[in-house]
Amino acid sequence: MSKLDIIIRNGTIIDGMTSKTLHRQYRSKNGKITKISKSEIKDDVKIVMGIANLIVLLDFLNVRIRTDEILLIYPTADNNIAHCAS
């Protein structure tokens, strides 16, 4: 069996850097994306998810950022915007 963790099929991918949306398949290993393809990925993995009509965000947002104390230093949260865009 392949060491790939998961394949996600038929998701609408939004990359966060452009306004494009793409209908693709993707696979990941240990939480990292290893392949994005227009055609069906046929690797042997334990988990295959079909997510037609759902959106895949390619980690351009970090929802675990804490801003409570930092807002006193950076009231406009510019530091978080820079972090998310990197």
N, C-alpha and C. Protein backbone atom coordinates (compact mmCIF):
# COMPACT_ATOMS: atom_id res chain seq x y z
N MET A 1 0.84 -1.19 0.00
CA MET A 1 0.00 0.00 0.00
C MET A 1 0.88 1.24 0.00
N SER A 2 0.48 2.23 -0.73
CA SER A 2 1.20 3.50 -0.79
C SER A 2 1.20 4.18 0.57
N LYS A 3 2.18 5.02 0.81
CA LYS A 3 2.25 5.75 2.06
C LYS A 3 1.44 7.03 2.03
N LEU A 4 0.70 7.28 0.96
CA LEU A 4 -0.15 8.47 0.88
C LEU A 4 -1.31 8.32 1.83
N ASP A 5 -1.62 9.39 2.53
CA ASP A 5 -2.67 9.34 3.52
C ASP A 5 -4.07 9.43 2.93
N ILE A 6 -4.26 10.34 1.98
CA ILE A 6 -5.63 10.65 1.56
C ILE A 6 -5.67 11.14 0.11
N ILE A 7 -6.78 10.83 -0.55
CA ILE A 7 -7.08 11.40 -1.86
C ILE A 7 -8.43 12.10 -1.73
N ILE A 8 -8.50 13.32 -2.22
CA ILE A 8 -9.76 14.07 -2.23
C ILE A 8 -10.15 14.28 -3.68
N ARG A 9 -11.36 13.85 -4.03
CA ARG A 9 -11.83 13.90 -5.41
C ARG A 9 -12.92 14.97 -5.59
N ASN A 10 -12.84 15.64 -6.74
CA ASN A 10 -13.90 16.53 -7.22
C ASN A 10 -14.14 17.75 -6.35
N GLY A 11 -13.12 18.23 -5.67
CA GLY A 11 -13.26 19.45 -4.89
C GLY A 11 -13.02 20.67 -5.75
N THR A 12 -13.61 21.77 -5.36
CA THR A 12 -13.33 23.05 -5.99
C THR A 12 -12.21 23.69 -5.19
N ILE A 13 -11.04 23.83 -5.80
CA ILE A 13 -9.87 24.33 -5.09
C ILE A 13 -9.77 25.83 -5.24
N ILE A 14 -9.57 26.51 -4.13
CA ILE A 14 -9.30 27.95 -4.12
C ILE A 14 -7.91 28.10 -3.52
N ASP A 15 -7.01 28.74 -4.28
CA ASP A 15 -5.63 28.81 -3.80
C ASP A 15 -5.32 30.02 -2.93
N GLY A 16 -6.20 30.99 -2.85
CA GLY A 16 -6.00 32.12 -1.97
C GLY A 16 -5.13 33.23 -2.53
N MET A 17 -4.38 32.98 -3.57
CA MET A 17 -3.51 33.99 -4.15
C MET A 17 -4.12 34.59 -5.42
N THR A 18 -5.09 33.89 -6.02
CA THR A 18 -5.77 34.40 -7.21
C THR A 18 -7.26 34.23 -6.99
N SER A 19 -8.05 34.71 -7.92
CA SER A 19 -9.49 34.54 -7.81
C SER A 19 -9.98 33.31 -8.57
N LYS A 20 -9.04 32.50 -9.06
CA LYS A 20 -9.42 31.31 -9.83
C LYS A 20 -9.95 30.20 -8.93
N THR A 21 -10.90 29.46 -9.46
CA THR A 21 -11.33 28.22 -8.81
C THR A 21 -11.07 27.09 -9.79
N LEU A 22 -10.60 25.98 -9.28
CA LEU A 22 -10.23 24.83 -10.11
C LEU A 22 -10.94 23.59 -9.60
N HIS A 23 -11.45 22.78 -10.50
CA HIS A 23 -12.05 21.50 -10.11
C HIS A 23 -10.97 20.44 -10.30
N ARG A 24 -10.46 19.93 -9.20
CA ARG A 24 -9.31 19.03 -9.25
C ARG A 24 -9.44 17.89 -8.24
N GLN A 25 -8.55 16.93 -8.40
CA GLN A 25 -8.34 15.86 -7.44
C GLN A 25 -7.02 16.21 -6.74
N TYR A 26 -6.88 15.89 -5.48
CA TYR A 26 -5.56 16.06 -4.90
C TYR A 26 -5.29 14.97 -3.88
N ARG A 27 -4.00 14.73 -3.66
CA ARG A 27 -3.61 13.74 -2.67
C ARG A 27 -2.61 14.37 -1.71
N SER A 28 -2.58 13.85 -0.51
CA SER A 28 -1.65 14.38 0.49
C SER A 28 -1.01 13.25 1.27
N LYS A 29 0.16 13.54 1.80
CA LYS A 29 0.89 12.60 2.64
C LYS A 29 1.37 13.36 3.86
N ASN A 30 1.04 12.85 5.02
CA ASN A 30 1.45 13.50 6.28
C ASN A 30 1.06 14.97 6.32
N GLY A 31 -0.12 15.29 5.82
CA GLY A 31 -0.62 16.65 5.87
C GLY A 31 -0.09 17.60 4.82
N LYS A 32 0.74 17.13 3.91
CA LYS A 32 1.30 17.96 2.84
C LYS A 32 0.72 17.51 1.50
N ILE A 33 0.32 18.46 0.67
CA ILE A 33 -0.20 18.13 -0.65
C ILE A 33 0.95 17.63 -1.52
N THR A 34 0.77 16.46 -2.12
CA THR A 34 1.82 15.89 -2.95
C THR A 34 1.47 15.88 -4.43
N LYS A 35 0.18 16.03 -4.77
CA LYS A 35 -0.21 16.04 -6.18
C LYS A 35 -1.57 16.70 -6.34
N ILE A 36 -1.70 17.51 -7.37
CA ILE A 36 -2.98 18.07 -7.79
C ILE A 36 -3.14 17.71 -9.25
N SER A 37 -4.30 17.16 -9.63
CA SER A 37 -4.47 16.65 -10.99
C SER A 37 -5.88 16.93 -11.51
N LYS A 38 -5.97 17.18 -12.82
CA LYS A 38 -7.29 17.27 -13.47
C LYS A 38 -7.93 15.90 -13.59
N SER A 39 -7.10 14.89 -13.83
CA SER A 39 -7.63 13.53 -14.01
C SER A 39 -7.66 12.79 -12.67
N GLU A 40 -8.37 11.70 -12.65
CA GLU A 40 -8.54 10.93 -11.43
C GLU A 40 -7.21 10.33 -10.96
N ILE A 41 -6.91 10.49 -9.69
CA ILE A 41 -5.72 9.90 -9.09
C ILE A 41 -6.10 8.51 -8.62
N LYS A 42 -5.34 7.51 -9.04
CA LYS A 42 -5.71 6.12 -8.76
C LYS A 42 -4.70 5.43 -7.85
N ASP A 43 -4.15 6.13 -6.88
CA ASP A 43 -3.21 5.53 -5.95
C ASP A 43 -3.96 4.70 -4.91
N ASP A 44 -3.26 3.77 -4.31
CA ASP A 44 -3.83 2.90 -3.29
C ASP A 44 -3.63 3.56 -1.92
N VAL A 45 -4.68 4.14 -1.38
CA VAL A 45 -4.61 4.80 -0.08
C VAL A 45 -5.74 4.30 0.80
N LYS A 46 -5.65 4.59 2.08
CA LYS A 46 -6.68 4.14 3.01
C LYS A 46 -7.94 5.00 2.95
N ILE A 47 -7.78 6.28 2.66
CA ILE A 47 -8.92 7.19 2.69
C ILE A 47 -9.08 7.87 1.33
N VAL A 48 -10.27 7.76 0.75
CA VAL A 48 -10.63 8.48 -0.46
C VAL A 48 -11.93 9.22 -0.16
N MET A 49 -11.91 10.53 -0.34
CA MET A 49 -13.10 11.34 -0.06
C MET A 49 -13.62 11.95 -1.35
N GLY A 50 -14.91 11.80 -1.59
CA GLY A 50 -15.56 12.48 -2.70
C GLY A 50 -16.25 13.71 -2.15
N ILE A 51 -15.86 14.88 -2.62
CA ILE A 51 -16.41 16.11 -2.04
C ILE A 51 -16.98 17.03 -3.11
N ALA A 52 -17.72 16.48 -4.05
CA ALA A 52 -18.33 17.30 -5.09
C ALA A 52 -19.15 18.41 -4.45
N ASN A 53 -19.08 19.60 -5.03
CA ASN A 53 -19.80 20.79 -4.58
C ASN A 53 -19.28 21.35 -3.26
N LEU A 54 -18.08 20.93 -2.82
CA LEU A 54 -17.46 21.51 -1.63
C LEU A 54 -16.16 22.19 -2.04
N ILE A 55 -15.67 23.07 -1.18
CA ILE A 55 -14.48 23.87 -1.49
C ILE A 55 -13.29 23.37 -0.69
N VAL A 56 -12.13 23.32 -1.35
CA VAL A 56 -10.87 22.95 -0.72
C VAL A 56 -10.01 24.21 -0.62
N LEU A 57 -9.60 24.56 0.58
CA LEU A 57 -8.70 25.69 0.79
C LEU A 57 -7.31 25.14 1.00
N LEU A 58 -6.34 25.60 0.23
CA LEU A 58 -4.99 25.06 0.29
C LEU A 58 -4.14 25.78 1.32
N ASP A 59 -4.61 25.82 2.55
CA ASP A 59 -3.86 26.32 3.71
C ASP A 59 -3.33 27.73 3.53
N PHE A 60 -4.15 28.62 2.99
CA PHE A 60 -3.71 30.00 2.96
C PHE A 60 -4.24 30.78 4.15
N LEU A 61 -5.10 30.16 4.94
CA LEU A 61 -5.59 30.77 6.17
C LEU A 61 -5.16 29.93 7.35
N ASN A 62 -4.63 30.57 8.36
CA ASN A 62 -4.28 29.86 9.58
C ASN A 62 -5.28 30.28 10.64
N VAL A 63 -6.28 29.45 10.89
CA VAL A 63 -7.36 29.82 11.79
C VAL A 63 -6.97 29.70 13.25
N ARG A 64 -5.76 29.24 13.53
CA ARG A 64 -5.33 29.09 14.92
C ARG A 64 -4.52 30.28 15.41
N ILE A 65 -4.46 31.34 14.64
CA ILE A 65 -3.69 32.51 15.06
C ILE A 65 -4.40 33.19 16.22
N ARG A 66 -3.64 33.47 17.28
CA ARG A 66 -4.19 34.19 18.43
C ARG A 66 -3.88 35.67 18.26
N THR A 67 -4.89 36.50 18.37
CA THR A 67 -4.67 37.93 18.19
C THR A 67 -5.01 38.75 19.42
N ASP A 68 -5.46 38.12 20.48
CA ASP A 68 -5.92 38.87 21.65
C ASP A 68 -4.89 39.91 22.12
N GLU A 69 -3.72 39.43 22.55
CA GLU A 69 -2.71 40.33 23.09
C GLU A 69 -2.01 41.12 21.99
N ILE A 70 -1.83 40.52 20.84
CA ILE A 70 -1.10 41.15 19.74
C ILE A 70 -1.84 42.39 19.22
N LEU A 71 -3.16 42.42 19.34
CA LEU A 71 -3.92 43.58 18.86
C LEU A 71 -3.53 44.86 19.60
N LEU A 72 -2.99 44.74 20.81
CA LEU A 72 -2.52 45.93 21.52
C LEU A 72 -1.30 46.53 20.83
N ILE A 73 -0.48 45.67 20.21
CA ILE A 73 0.73 46.14 19.52
C ILE A 73 0.42 46.49 18.07
N TYR A 74 -0.37 45.64 17.40
CA TYR A 74 -0.73 45.83 15.99
C TYR A 74 -2.26 45.93 15.87
N PRO A 75 -2.83 47.09 16.12
CA PRO A 75 -4.29 47.22 16.14
C PRO A 75 -4.99 46.82 14.84
N THR A 76 -4.30 46.91 13.71
CA THR A 76 -4.92 46.54 12.44
C THR A 76 -4.64 45.09 12.04
N ALA A 77 -3.91 44.35 12.88
CA ALA A 77 -3.58 42.93 12.65
C ALA A 77 -2.81 42.70 11.36
N ASP A 78 -2.00 43.69 10.96
CA ASP A 78 -1.19 43.54 9.74
C ASP A 78 -0.25 42.34 9.81
N ASN A 79 0.23 42.03 11.01
CA ASN A 79 1.14 40.89 11.15
C ASN A 79 0.46 39.58 10.75
N ASN A 80 -0.82 39.43 11.03
CA ASN A 80 -1.54 38.20 10.64
C ASN A 80 -1.76 38.14 9.14
N ILE A 81 -2.04 39.25 8.53
CA ILE A 81 -2.23 39.27 7.08
C ILE A 81 -0.93 38.88 6.39
N ALA A 82 0.19 39.40 6.86
CA ALA A 82 1.49 39.05 6.28
C ALA A 82 1.79 37.57 6.49
N HIS A 83 1.44 37.03 7.65
CA HIS A 83 1.67 35.61 7.94
C HIS A 83 0.86 34.73 6.99
N CYS A 84 -0.39 35.07 6.78
CA CYS A 84 -1.25 34.24 5.93
C CYS A 84 -0.83 34.28 4.48
N ALA A 85 -0.26 35.38 4.03
CA ALA A 85 0.12 35.51 2.63
C ALA A 85 1.46 34.87 2.32
N SER A 86 2.20 34.50 3.34
CA SER A 86 3.53 33.92 3.09
C SER A 86 3.45 32.46 2.71
